[in-house]
Amino acid sequence: MSVRIYVEGGGDQRATLAKCREGFAEFFKKALPDGPQPRIIACGSRNATLYAFKTALPTHPEAFVLLLVDAEAPVIADSPWTHLQQRDGWTTPAGATDEQAHLMVQCMEAWFLADRTALAKYYGQGFQESALPKRAEVEHIAKSDIEAGLKRATRATRSKGEYHKTRHGFDLLARIDAEPVRRASPFAERLCAVLEARAALPAPGRVVAHPHTSRRSLP
């Protein structure tokens, strides 16, 4: 079964939507190196992403359709759809399951903090890793703290300058390593595990836990 992921991001310009699509595609190539790759559909705004996902459910019955959006806040709900209902007022689309809703917690940039080596390499001279939030559990770092930390850490860099979502974010997404993201972000692990299961990929030694529980790979 083919997989289609409708992702939030890219704004309303063709060039930035293409960069968003390419960034996620490169990330999933590293997350799922041995199996078929999902098709990424960059949708722009949050509401546009939900609309595209809802439209795809009946129009692509041959595919497994996923929604991927920023959580924008801590997730304390039992499921992504419950979180989205509580925060955004969204109702679960007809026919959609919990397995089809996925969150970047609390935002896409949290994934970058899981691979600080890639951040340092991308920004080069002047990058100040010490300015980033220290907490290893990236989902517990407030979105505002992530954004402020990235700006502080990159402000003095010579080649790139201060972090900018559309100029830098999707390039970084293409460069980060998926494995540390999976270790640091239970919701990223949940997404990758669902994709592995749908592609029937072997995942030896990996435990798939509820996102609110601690999980580690088996020895």
N, C-alpha and C. Protein backbone atom coordinates (compact mmCIF):
# COMPACT_ATOMS: atom_id res chain seq x y z
N MET A 1 0.84 -1.19 0.00
CA MET A 1 0.00 0.00 0.00
C MET A 1 0.88 1.25 0.00
N SER A 2 0.58 2.17 -0.88
CA SER A 2 1.33 3.42 -0.91
C SER A 2 0.92 4.29 0.28
N VAL A 3 1.81 5.21 0.64
CA VAL A 3 1.58 6.11 1.77
C VAL A 3 1.69 7.54 1.30
N ARG A 4 0.74 8.36 1.70
CA ARG A 4 0.74 9.79 1.39
C ARG A 4 0.70 10.56 2.71
N ILE A 5 1.69 11.44 2.91
CA ILE A 5 1.75 12.23 4.14
C ILE A 5 1.47 13.69 3.81
N TYR A 6 0.42 14.22 4.41
CA TYR A 6 0.05 15.62 4.22
C TYR A 6 0.65 16.42 5.38
N VAL A 7 1.64 17.25 5.06
CA VAL A 7 2.42 17.91 6.09
C VAL A 7 2.15 19.41 6.12
N GLU A 8 2.15 19.95 7.32
CA GLU A 8 2.05 21.40 7.51
C GLU A 8 3.39 22.03 7.20
N GLY A 9 3.37 23.14 6.45
CA GLY A 9 4.61 23.87 6.19
C GLY A 9 4.77 24.28 4.75
N GLY A 10 5.62 25.27 4.54
CA GLY A 10 5.94 25.70 3.18
C GLY A 10 5.26 26.97 2.75
N GLY A 11 4.35 27.48 3.59
CA GLY A 11 3.69 28.73 3.23
C GLY A 11 2.80 28.59 2.01
N ASP A 12 2.72 29.67 1.22
CA ASP A 12 1.83 29.64 0.04
C ASP A 12 2.59 29.90 -1.26
N GLN A 13 3.92 29.77 -1.20
CA GLN A 13 4.73 29.98 -2.39
C GLN A 13 5.22 28.63 -2.93
N ARG A 14 5.21 28.50 -4.25
CA ARG A 14 5.60 27.23 -4.86
C ARG A 14 7.01 26.80 -4.44
N ALA A 15 7.94 27.76 -4.41
CA ALA A 15 9.33 27.42 -4.09
C ALA A 15 9.47 26.91 -2.66
N THR A 16 8.80 27.54 -1.71
CA THR A 16 8.93 27.10 -0.33
C THR A 16 8.16 25.81 -0.08
N LEU A 17 7.06 25.61 -0.77
CA LEU A 17 6.36 24.34 -0.67
C LEU A 17 7.24 23.21 -1.19
N ALA A 18 7.97 23.48 -2.28
CA ALA A 18 8.89 22.46 -2.82
C ALA A 18 10.00 22.15 -1.83
N LYS A 19 10.53 23.19 -1.16
CA LYS A 19 11.59 22.97 -0.17
C LYS A 19 11.06 22.16 1.01
N CYS A 20 9.84 22.43 1.43
CA CYS A 20 9.22 21.66 2.50
C CYS A 20 9.09 20.20 2.10
N ARG A 21 8.58 19.97 0.92
CA ARG A 21 8.40 18.59 0.43
C ARG A 21 9.75 17.87 0.36
N GLU A 22 10.76 18.54 -0.16
CA GLU A 22 12.08 17.92 -0.30
C GLU A 22 12.72 17.64 1.06
N GLY A 23 12.54 18.57 2.00
CA GLY A 23 13.12 18.37 3.33
C GLY A 23 12.55 17.15 4.02
N PHE A 24 11.23 17.01 4.00
CA PHE A 24 10.61 15.84 4.63
C PHE A 24 10.97 14.57 3.89
N ALA A 25 11.02 14.63 2.56
CA ALA A 25 11.37 13.44 1.78
C ALA A 25 12.76 12.94 2.15
N GLU A 26 13.72 13.86 2.29
CA GLU A 26 15.08 13.46 2.66
C GLU A 26 15.13 12.89 4.07
N PHE A 27 14.36 13.47 4.98
CA PHE A 27 14.32 12.93 6.35
C PHE A 27 13.81 11.50 6.35
N PHE A 28 12.74 11.24 5.60
CA PHE A 28 12.16 9.90 5.62
C PHE A 28 13.03 8.89 4.88
N LYS A 29 13.86 9.34 3.95
CA LYS A 29 14.81 8.42 3.32
C LYS A 29 15.77 7.85 4.36
N LYS A 30 16.15 8.68 5.34
CA LYS A 30 17.04 8.21 6.41
C LYS A 30 16.26 7.42 7.46
N ALA A 31 15.03 7.80 7.71
CA ALA A 31 14.22 7.08 8.69
C ALA A 31 13.80 5.70 8.18
N LEU A 32 13.59 5.58 6.88
CA LEU A 32 13.10 4.33 6.27
C LEU A 32 13.99 3.97 5.09
N PRO A 33 15.26 3.63 5.35
CA PRO A 33 16.21 3.47 4.25
C PRO A 33 15.98 2.26 3.37
N ASP A 34 15.28 1.25 3.88
CA ASP A 34 15.18 -0.01 3.15
C ASP A 34 13.82 -0.30 2.55
N GLY A 35 12.92 0.66 2.62
CA GLY A 35 11.57 0.38 2.14
C GLY A 35 11.05 1.44 1.21
N PRO A 36 9.84 1.25 0.70
CA PRO A 36 9.22 2.26 -0.17
C PRO A 36 9.03 3.56 0.58
N GLN A 37 9.22 4.65 -0.13
CA GLN A 37 9.14 5.96 0.50
C GLN A 37 7.73 6.54 0.42
N PRO A 38 7.30 7.23 1.45
CA PRO A 38 5.99 7.89 1.38
C PRO A 38 6.03 9.06 0.42
N ARG A 39 4.90 9.38 -0.13
CA ARG A 39 4.78 10.59 -0.94
C ARG A 39 4.45 11.75 -0.01
N ILE A 40 5.23 12.82 -0.09
CA ILE A 40 5.05 13.98 0.77
C ILE A 40 4.26 15.05 0.02
N ILE A 41 3.19 15.52 0.64
CA ILE A 41 2.40 16.61 0.09
C ILE A 41 2.47 17.77 1.06
N ALA A 42 3.23 18.80 0.68
CA ALA A 42 3.36 20.00 1.51
C ALA A 42 2.13 20.87 1.29
N CYS A 43 1.48 21.27 2.37
CA CYS A 43 0.17 21.89 2.25
C CYS A 43 0.11 23.35 2.68
N GLY A 44 1.18 23.87 3.26
CA GLY A 44 1.14 25.26 3.69
C GLY A 44 0.58 25.38 5.09
N SER A 45 -0.50 26.12 5.23
CA SER A 45 -1.03 26.44 6.56
C SER A 45 -1.62 25.19 7.24
N ARG A 46 -1.84 25.36 8.52
CA ARG A 46 -2.39 24.30 9.36
C ARG A 46 -3.77 23.86 8.87
N ASN A 47 -4.66 24.82 8.67
CA ASN A 47 -6.00 24.49 8.22
C ASN A 47 -6.01 23.92 6.81
N ALA A 48 -5.11 24.42 5.95
CA ALA A 48 -5.01 23.88 4.59
C ALA A 48 -4.55 22.42 4.63
N THR A 49 -3.71 22.09 5.59
CA THR A 49 -3.22 20.72 5.72
C THR A 49 -4.36 19.79 6.12
N LEU A 50 -5.16 20.21 7.08
CA LEU A 50 -6.31 19.40 7.48
C LEU A 50 -7.27 19.22 6.31
N TYR A 51 -7.53 20.28 5.58
CA TYR A 51 -8.46 20.21 4.45
C TYR A 51 -7.94 19.23 3.40
N ALA A 52 -6.64 19.30 3.09
CA ALA A 52 -6.07 18.41 2.08
C ALA A 52 -6.14 16.96 2.54
N PHE A 53 -5.89 16.74 3.83
CA PHE A 53 -5.97 15.38 4.38
C PHE A 53 -7.40 14.85 4.28
N LYS A 54 -8.36 15.67 4.69
CA LYS A 54 -9.76 15.24 4.65
C LYS A 54 -10.19 14.94 3.22
N THR A 55 -9.73 15.74 2.27
CA THR A 55 -10.07 15.52 0.87
C THR A 55 -9.46 14.24 0.34
N ALA A 56 -8.24 13.94 0.81
CA ALA A 56 -7.53 12.76 0.31
C ALA A 56 -8.13 11.45 0.80
N LEU A 57 -8.76 11.47 1.97
CA LEU A 57 -9.29 10.22 2.53
C LEU A 57 -10.22 9.49 1.54
N PRO A 58 -11.22 10.17 0.95
CA PRO A 58 -12.07 9.46 0.00
C PRO A 58 -11.51 9.41 -1.42
N THR A 59 -10.62 10.34 -1.75
CA THR A 59 -10.13 10.40 -3.14
C THR A 59 -8.92 9.49 -3.39
N HIS A 60 -8.28 9.02 -2.32
CA HIS A 60 -7.15 8.09 -2.47
C HIS A 60 -7.37 6.85 -1.61
N PRO A 61 -8.42 6.08 -1.91
CA PRO A 61 -8.72 4.90 -1.09
C PRO A 61 -7.64 3.82 -1.20
N GLU A 62 -6.82 3.89 -2.25
CA GLU A 62 -5.77 2.89 -2.45
C GLU A 62 -4.55 3.15 -1.56
N ALA A 63 -4.50 4.33 -0.94
CA ALA A 63 -3.32 4.74 -0.19
C ALA A 63 -3.63 4.82 1.30
N PHE A 64 -2.58 4.74 2.10
CA PHE A 64 -2.67 5.02 3.53
C PHE A 64 -2.32 6.49 3.70
N VAL A 65 -3.28 7.28 4.13
CA VAL A 65 -3.16 8.73 4.17
C VAL A 65 -2.87 9.18 5.60
N LEU A 66 -1.83 10.02 5.77
CA LEU A 66 -1.45 10.51 7.09
C LEU A 66 -1.49 12.03 7.14
N LEU A 67 -1.78 12.54 8.32
CA LEU A 67 -1.71 13.96 8.63
C LEU A 67 -0.52 14.18 9.55
N LEU A 68 0.32 15.20 9.24
CA LEU A 68 1.46 15.52 10.09
C LEU A 68 1.52 17.04 10.28
N VAL A 69 1.26 17.47 11.51
CA VAL A 69 1.24 18.90 11.82
C VAL A 69 1.98 19.15 13.14
N ASP A 70 2.36 20.40 13.37
CA ASP A 70 2.95 20.78 14.65
C ASP A 70 1.92 20.65 15.76
N ALA A 71 2.37 20.21 16.92
CA ALA A 71 1.47 20.17 18.08
C ALA A 71 1.20 21.58 18.59
N GLU A 72 2.21 22.48 18.48
CA GLU A 72 2.12 23.88 18.90
C GLU A 72 2.03 24.07 20.41
N ALA A 73 2.02 22.98 21.16
CA ALA A 73 1.86 23.06 22.62
C ALA A 73 2.20 21.69 23.20
N PRO A 74 2.36 21.60 24.53
CA PRO A 74 2.55 20.28 25.13
C PRO A 74 1.37 19.37 24.81
N VAL A 75 1.64 18.08 24.68
CA VAL A 75 0.59 17.11 24.38
C VAL A 75 0.32 16.29 25.63
N ILE A 76 -0.85 16.48 26.19
CA ILE A 76 -1.23 15.71 27.38
C ILE A 76 -2.43 14.81 27.09
N ALA A 77 -2.98 14.94 25.90
CA ALA A 77 -4.15 14.14 25.52
C ALA A 77 -3.73 12.70 25.21
N ASP A 78 -4.73 11.81 25.20
CA ASP A 78 -4.46 10.40 24.95
C ASP A 78 -4.15 10.11 23.49
N SER A 79 -4.57 10.97 22.58
CA SER A 79 -4.35 10.72 21.15
C SER A 79 -4.14 12.04 20.43
N PRO A 80 -3.49 12.01 19.26
CA PRO A 80 -3.31 13.23 18.49
C PRO A 80 -4.63 13.91 18.14
N TRP A 81 -5.65 13.13 17.78
CA TRP A 81 -6.92 13.76 17.42
C TRP A 81 -7.53 14.48 18.61
N THR A 82 -7.40 13.91 19.79
CA THR A 82 -7.92 14.59 20.98
C THR A 82 -7.17 15.89 21.22
N HIS A 83 -5.85 15.86 21.07
CA HIS A 83 -5.06 17.09 21.21
C HIS A 83 -5.51 18.14 20.21
N LEU A 84 -5.71 17.73 18.97
CA LEU A 84 -6.09 18.68 17.93
C LEU A 84 -7.51 19.21 18.14
N GLN A 85 -8.36 18.39 18.73
CA GLN A 85 -9.70 18.87 19.05
C GLN A 85 -9.63 19.90 20.17
N GLN A 86 -8.83 19.61 21.18
CA GLN A 86 -8.74 20.50 22.33
C GLN A 86 -8.04 21.82 21.98
N ARG A 87 -6.99 21.75 21.17
CA ARG A 87 -6.23 22.95 20.87
C ARG A 87 -6.80 23.75 19.71
N ASP A 88 -7.22 23.04 18.65
CA ASP A 88 -7.62 23.70 17.41
C ASP A 88 -9.12 23.64 17.12
N GLY A 89 -9.84 22.85 17.91
CA GLY A 89 -11.25 22.69 17.63
C GLY A 89 -11.55 21.79 16.45
N TRP A 90 -10.58 20.97 16.05
CA TRP A 90 -10.78 20.07 14.92
C TRP A 90 -11.54 18.82 15.37
N THR A 91 -12.43 18.36 14.53
CA THR A 91 -13.10 17.08 14.76
C THR A 91 -12.43 16.02 13.89
N THR A 92 -12.40 14.83 14.40
CA THR A 92 -11.78 13.74 13.64
C THR A 92 -12.56 13.51 12.35
N PRO A 93 -11.90 13.57 11.19
CA PRO A 93 -12.61 13.34 9.92
C PRO A 93 -13.22 11.95 9.88
N ALA A 94 -14.32 11.83 9.19
CA ALA A 94 -14.99 10.54 9.05
C ALA A 94 -14.04 9.52 8.44
N GLY A 95 -13.94 8.37 9.08
CA GLY A 95 -13.11 7.29 8.56
C GLY A 95 -11.65 7.35 8.98
N ALA A 96 -11.22 8.44 9.63
CA ALA A 96 -9.82 8.56 10.05
C ALA A 96 -9.60 7.87 11.38
N THR A 97 -8.43 7.28 11.54
CA THR A 97 -8.08 6.58 12.77
C THR A 97 -6.95 7.34 13.48
N ASP A 98 -6.69 6.96 14.73
CA ASP A 98 -5.58 7.55 15.47
C ASP A 98 -4.26 7.32 14.75
N GLU A 99 -4.14 6.19 14.08
CA GLU A 99 -2.91 5.84 13.39
C GLU A 99 -2.60 6.81 12.24
N GLN A 100 -3.61 7.57 11.81
CA GLN A 100 -3.42 8.48 10.68
C GLN A 100 -3.11 9.91 11.10
N ALA A 101 -3.11 10.21 12.38
CA ALA A 101 -2.81 11.56 12.86
C ALA A 101 -1.47 11.56 13.60
N HIS A 102 -0.59 12.49 13.22
CA HIS A 102 0.75 12.53 13.81
C HIS A 102 1.15 13.98 14.08
N LEU A 103 1.95 14.14 15.14
CA LEU A 103 2.32 15.47 15.62
C LEU A 103 3.84 15.62 15.69
N MET A 104 4.30 16.80 15.34
CA MET A 104 5.67 17.20 15.65
C MET A 104 5.59 18.02 16.94
N VAL A 105 6.20 17.48 17.99
CA VAL A 105 5.97 18.03 19.34
C VAL A 105 7.25 18.70 19.84
N GLN A 106 7.16 19.99 20.21
CA GLN A 106 5.95 20.79 20.05
C GLN A 106 5.91 21.47 18.69
N CYS A 107 7.00 21.37 17.93
CA CYS A 107 7.06 21.94 16.59
C CYS A 107 8.18 21.22 15.83
N MET A 108 8.23 21.44 14.53
CA MET A 108 9.24 20.78 13.70
C MET A 108 10.65 21.03 14.21
N GLU A 109 10.91 22.26 14.68
CA GLU A 109 12.26 22.62 15.12
C GLU A 109 12.74 21.81 16.31
N ALA A 110 11.82 21.19 17.06
CA ALA A 110 12.24 20.33 18.17
C ALA A 110 13.10 19.18 17.65
N TRP A 111 12.82 18.70 16.46
CA TRP A 111 13.61 17.60 15.90
C TRP A 111 15.07 18.02 15.70
N PHE A 112 15.29 19.30 15.38
CA PHE A 112 16.67 19.76 15.15
C PHE A 112 17.52 19.63 16.41
N LEU A 113 16.88 19.86 17.57
CA LEU A 113 17.62 19.81 18.82
C LEU A 113 18.10 18.40 19.16
N ALA A 114 17.51 17.40 18.50
CA ALA A 114 17.94 16.02 18.72
C ALA A 114 19.25 15.71 17.99
N ASP A 115 19.60 16.51 17.00
CA ASP A 115 20.83 16.30 16.24
C ASP A 115 21.62 17.60 16.19
N ARG A 116 22.23 17.95 17.29
CA ARG A 116 22.96 19.22 17.39
C ARG A 116 24.23 19.21 16.56
N THR A 117 24.74 18.01 16.28
CA THR A 117 25.90 17.92 15.39
C THR A 117 25.56 18.44 14.00
N ALA A 118 24.39 18.07 13.49
CA ALA A 118 23.97 18.55 12.18
C ALA A 118 23.74 20.06 12.20
N LEU A 119 23.18 20.58 13.29
CA LEU A 119 23.00 22.02 13.42
C LEU A 119 24.34 22.75 13.36
N ALA A 120 25.31 22.28 14.12
CA ALA A 120 26.62 22.92 14.17
C ALA A 120 27.30 22.87 12.80
N LYS A 121 27.20 21.74 12.12
CA LYS A 121 27.82 21.60 10.80
C LYS A 121 27.16 22.52 9.79
N TYR A 122 25.85 22.65 9.86
CA TYR A 122 25.11 23.48 8.90
C TYR A 122 25.46 24.96 9.07
N TYR A 123 25.51 25.43 10.32
CA TYR A 123 25.73 26.86 10.55
C TYR A 123 27.20 27.26 10.59
N GLY A 124 28.05 26.34 10.96
CA GLY A 124 29.47 26.61 10.90
C GLY A 124 29.95 27.63 11.92
N GLN A 125 30.93 28.42 11.50
CA GLN A 125 31.60 29.35 12.41
C GLN A 125 30.62 30.33 13.03
N GLY A 126 30.73 30.48 14.33
CA GLY A 126 29.85 31.39 15.06
C GLY A 126 28.66 30.73 15.71
N PHE A 127 28.43 29.47 15.40
CA PHE A 127 27.30 28.76 16.01
C PHE A 127 27.57 28.53 17.49
N GLN A 128 26.60 28.83 18.34
CA GLN A 128 26.76 28.71 19.79
C GLN A 128 25.80 27.66 20.33
N GLU A 129 26.25 26.43 20.38
CA GLU A 129 25.39 25.34 20.85
C GLU A 129 24.93 25.57 22.28
N SER A 130 25.75 26.24 23.08
CA SER A 130 25.41 26.47 24.49
C SER A 130 24.16 27.33 24.65
N ALA A 131 23.75 28.03 23.60
CA ALA A 131 22.56 28.88 23.67
C ALA A 131 21.27 28.09 23.47
N LEU A 132 21.38 26.84 23.06
CA LEU A 132 20.19 26.01 22.83
C LEU A 132 19.65 25.50 24.16
N PRO A 133 18.35 25.21 24.22
CA PRO A 133 17.79 24.59 25.43
C PRO A 133 18.52 23.29 25.74
N LYS A 134 18.74 23.04 27.02
CA LYS A 134 19.58 21.91 27.44
C LYS A 134 18.82 20.59 27.51
N ARG A 135 17.54 20.62 27.65
CA ARG A 135 16.78 19.41 27.93
C ARG A 135 16.85 18.41 26.77
N ALA A 136 17.15 17.15 27.09
CA ALA A 136 17.28 16.13 26.05
C ALA A 136 15.92 15.66 25.53
N GLU A 137 14.89 15.70 26.41
CA GLU A 137 13.54 15.28 25.98
C GLU A 137 12.92 16.45 25.22
N VAL A 138 13.12 16.47 23.90
CA VAL A 138 12.81 17.67 23.12
C VAL A 138 11.32 18.01 23.13
N GLU A 139 10.46 17.02 23.35
CA GLU A 139 9.02 17.29 23.34
C GLU A 139 8.57 18.10 24.54
N HIS A 140 9.41 18.17 25.57
CA HIS A 140 9.06 18.92 26.78
C HIS A 140 9.59 20.35 26.75
N ILE A 141 10.23 20.74 25.65
CA ILE A 141 10.73 22.10 25.52
C ILE A 141 9.66 22.95 24.84
N ALA A 142 9.30 24.07 25.45
CA ALA A 142 8.27 24.94 24.88
C ALA A 142 8.68 25.44 23.51
N LYS A 143 7.71 25.57 22.63
CA LYS A 143 7.98 26.07 21.29
C LYS A 143 8.70 27.41 21.33
N SER A 144 8.27 28.30 22.21
CA SER A 144 8.89 29.62 22.29
C SER A 144 10.35 29.52 22.71
N ASP A 145 10.68 28.56 23.58
CA ASP A 145 12.06 28.37 24.01
C ASP A 145 12.92 27.79 22.89
N ILE A 146 12.33 26.91 22.10
CA ILE A 146 13.06 26.35 20.96
C ILE A 146 13.40 27.45 19.96
N GLU A 147 12.40 28.25 19.61
CA GLU A 147 12.61 29.31 18.63
C GLU A 147 13.62 30.33 19.13
N ALA A 148 13.50 30.73 20.40
CA ALA A 148 14.43 31.71 20.95
C ALA A 148 15.85 31.13 21.01
N GLY A 149 15.97 29.87 21.39
CA GLY A 149 17.28 29.24 21.48
C GLY A 149 17.95 29.14 20.13
N LEU A 150 17.20 28.77 19.11
CA LEU A 150 17.78 28.68 17.77
C LEU A 150 18.26 30.04 17.29
N LYS A 151 17.50 31.08 17.56
CA LYS A 151 17.92 32.41 17.14
C LYS A 151 19.19 32.85 17.86
N ARG A 152 19.25 32.60 19.17
CA ARG A 152 20.45 32.96 19.92
C ARG A 152 21.67 32.19 19.43
N ALA A 153 21.48 30.90 19.18
CA ALA A 153 22.61 30.04 18.80
C ALA A 153 23.15 30.37 17.41
N THR A 154 22.32 30.93 16.55
CA THR A 154 22.72 31.15 15.16
C THR A 154 22.98 32.61 14.81
N ARG A 155 22.70 33.50 15.73
CA ARG A 155 22.75 34.94 15.43
C ARG A 155 24.11 35.39 14.93
N ALA A 156 25.18 34.80 15.47
CA ALA A 156 26.53 35.25 15.12
C ALA A 156 27.17 34.43 14.01
N THR A 157 26.42 33.51 13.40
CA THR A 157 27.01 32.69 12.35
C THR A 157 27.25 33.53 11.10
N ARG A 158 28.35 33.24 10.44
CA ARG A 158 28.75 34.08 9.31
C ARG A 158 28.08 33.69 8.00
N SER A 159 27.94 32.40 7.76
CA SER A 159 27.46 31.98 6.44
C SER A 159 25.94 32.01 6.32
N LYS A 160 25.23 31.74 7.42
CA LYS A 160 23.77 31.61 7.35
C LYS A 160 23.03 32.72 8.07
N GLY A 161 23.60 33.19 9.18
CA GLY A 161 22.89 34.18 9.97
C GLY A 161 21.82 33.54 10.83
N GLU A 162 20.99 34.37 11.43
CA GLU A 162 19.97 33.92 12.38
C GLU A 162 19.00 32.93 11.74
N TYR A 163 18.60 31.93 12.53
CA TYR A 163 17.67 30.91 12.04
C TYR A 163 16.42 31.54 11.45
N HIS A 164 16.02 31.03 10.27
CA HIS A 164 14.80 31.46 9.60
C HIS A 164 14.10 30.21 9.08
N LYS A 165 12.82 30.09 9.40
CA LYS A 165 12.11 28.83 9.13
C LYS A 165 12.14 28.44 7.66
N THR A 166 11.77 29.34 6.76
CA THR A 166 11.69 28.95 5.36
C THR A 166 13.06 28.93 4.67
N ARG A 167 13.99 29.79 5.11
CA ARG A 167 15.32 29.78 4.49
C ARG A 167 16.18 28.63 4.99
N HIS A 168 16.01 28.25 6.25
CA HIS A 168 16.89 27.25 6.85
C HIS A 168 16.18 25.96 7.26
N GLY A 169 14.93 26.06 7.68
CA GLY A 169 14.27 24.94 8.34
C GLY A 169 14.22 23.67 7.52
N PHE A 170 13.85 23.77 6.25
CA PHE A 170 13.70 22.56 5.45
C PHE A 170 15.04 22.02 4.99
N ASP A 171 16.04 22.91 4.82
CA ASP A 171 17.40 22.43 4.56
C ASP A 171 17.92 21.63 5.75
N LEU A 172 17.66 22.13 6.95
CA LEU A 172 18.08 21.41 8.15
C LEU A 172 17.36 20.07 8.27
N LEU A 173 16.07 20.06 7.98
CA LEU A 173 15.29 18.83 8.06
C LEU A 173 15.89 17.76 7.16
N ALA A 174 16.39 18.17 6.00
CA ALA A 174 16.99 17.22 5.07
C ALA A 174 18.33 16.69 5.56
N ARG A 175 18.96 17.40 6.51
CA ARG A 175 20.31 17.06 6.95
C ARG A 175 20.36 16.30 8.28
N ILE A 176 19.35 16.46 9.13
CA ILE A 176 19.41 15.81 10.43
C ILE A 176 19.28 14.29 10.29
N ASP A 177 19.84 13.60 11.26
CA ASP A 177 19.80 12.15 11.31
C ASP A 177 18.50 11.71 11.97
N ALA A 178 17.83 10.78 11.35
CA ALA A 178 16.53 10.35 11.87
C ALA A 178 16.65 9.59 13.18
N GLU A 179 17.73 8.85 13.38
CA GLU A 179 17.82 7.99 14.56
C GLU A 179 17.82 8.77 15.87
N PRO A 180 18.63 9.83 16.03
CA PRO A 180 18.53 10.58 17.29
C PRO A 180 17.19 11.28 17.46
N VAL A 181 16.55 11.63 16.37
CA VAL A 181 15.21 12.22 16.47
C VAL A 181 14.24 11.20 17.04
N ARG A 182 14.33 9.98 16.57
CA ARG A 182 13.45 8.92 17.07
C ARG A 182 13.69 8.65 18.56
N ARG A 183 14.95 8.73 18.98
CA ARG A 183 15.26 8.49 20.39
C ARG A 183 14.75 9.62 21.28
N ALA A 184 14.83 10.85 20.78
CA ALA A 184 14.50 12.01 21.61
C ALA A 184 13.03 12.38 21.57
N SER A 185 12.30 11.94 20.54
CA SER A 185 10.91 12.36 20.34
C SER A 185 10.01 11.14 20.20
N PRO A 186 9.26 10.78 21.24
CA PRO A 186 8.36 9.63 21.14
C PRO A 186 7.33 9.75 20.02
N PHE A 187 6.88 10.96 19.73
CA PHE A 187 5.90 11.09 18.64
C PHE A 187 6.55 10.91 17.28
N ALA A 188 7.82 11.27 17.13
CA ALA A 188 8.54 10.97 15.88
C ALA A 188 8.74 9.47 15.76
N GLU A 189 9.06 8.81 16.87
CA GLU A 189 9.18 7.35 16.87
C GLU A 189 7.86 6.70 16.48
N ARG A 190 6.77 7.21 17.02
CA ARG A 190 5.45 6.67 16.70
C ARG A 190 5.19 6.77 15.19
N LEU A 191 5.49 7.92 14.60
CA LEU A 191 5.29 8.12 13.17
C LEU A 191 6.12 7.13 12.36
N CYS A 192 7.41 7.03 12.68
CA CYS A 192 8.28 6.14 11.92
C CYS A 192 7.88 4.68 12.09
N ALA A 193 7.45 4.31 13.29
CA ALA A 193 7.02 2.93 13.53
C ALA A 193 5.77 2.60 12.72
N VAL A 194 4.84 3.53 12.62
CA VAL A 194 3.65 3.31 11.79
C VAL A 194 4.04 3.14 10.33
N LEU A 195 4.96 3.97 9.86
CA LEU A 195 5.40 3.86 8.46
C LEU A 195 6.11 2.53 8.22
N GLU A 196 6.93 2.10 9.16
CA GLU A 196 7.60 0.80 9.03
C GLU A 196 6.59 -0.33 8.97
N ALA A 197 5.59 -0.25 9.82
CA ALA A 197 4.59 -1.30 9.83
C ALA A 197 3.82 -1.35 8.52
N ARG A 198 3.48 -0.19 7.99
CA ARG A 198 2.74 -0.14 6.74
C ARG A 198 3.56 -0.65 5.57
N ALA A 199 4.86 -0.42 5.63
CA ALA A 199 5.74 -0.89 4.57
C ALA A 199 6.24 -2.30 4.83
N ALA A 200 5.83 -2.88 5.97
CA ALA A 200 6.27 -4.22 6.37
C ALA A 200 7.78 -4.28 6.48
N LEU A 201 8.38 -3.20 6.98
CA LEU A 201 9.83 -3.16 7.16
C LEU A 201 10.20 -3.84 8.46
N PRO A 202 11.30 -4.61 8.46
CA PRO A 202 11.77 -5.16 9.73
C PRO A 202 12.35 -4.07 10.60
N ALA A 203 12.08 -4.13 11.88
CA ALA A 203 12.65 -3.16 12.81
C ALA A 203 13.19 -3.93 14.02
N PRO A 204 14.28 -4.70 13.81
CA PRO A 204 14.78 -5.55 14.89
C PRO A 204 15.20 -4.75 16.10
N GLY A 205 14.77 -5.25 17.26
CA GLY A 205 15.22 -4.64 18.50
C GLY A 205 14.52 -3.38 18.90
N ARG A 206 13.49 -2.95 18.16
CA ARG A 206 12.85 -1.68 18.49
C ARG A 206 11.53 -1.94 19.21
N VAL A 207 11.33 -1.24 20.28
CA VAL A 207 10.09 -1.32 21.04
C VAL A 207 9.24 -0.12 20.67
N VAL A 208 7.99 -0.35 20.29
CA VAL A 208 7.08 0.73 19.98
C VAL A 208 6.16 0.94 21.17
N ALA A 209 6.29 2.08 21.80
CA ALA A 209 5.53 2.37 23.02
C ALA A 209 4.59 3.53 22.77
N HIS A 210 3.65 3.69 23.69
CA HIS A 210 2.81 4.88 23.63
C HIS A 210 3.70 6.11 23.75
N PRO A 211 3.41 7.19 23.00
CA PRO A 211 4.29 8.35 23.03
C PRO A 211 4.52 8.94 24.41
N HIS A 212 3.66 8.70 25.37
CA HIS A 212 3.84 9.29 26.69
C HIS A 212 4.64 8.39 27.62
N THR A 213 5.10 7.23 27.10
CA THR A 213 5.92 6.36 27.92
C THR A 213 7.34 6.41 27.43
N SER A 214 8.25 6.09 28.31
CA SER A 214 9.66 6.05 27.91
C SER A 214 9.90 4.81 27.09
N ARG A 215 10.65 4.95 25.98
CA ARG A 215 10.96 3.75 25.22
C ARG A 215 12.43 3.79 24.81
N ARG A 216 13.01 2.63 24.79
CA ARG A 216 14.40 2.47 24.38
C ARG A 216 14.48 1.25 23.49
N SER A 217 15.43 1.25 22.58
CA SER A 217 15.66 0.07 21.75
C SER A 217 16.15 -1.08 22.62
N LEU A 218 15.78 -2.26 22.26
CA LEU A 218 16.27 -3.42 22.96
C LEU A 218 17.73 -3.65 22.60
N PRO A 219 18.49 -4.34 23.44
CA PRO A 219 19.89 -4.62 23.10
C PRO A 219 19.99 -5.53 21.89
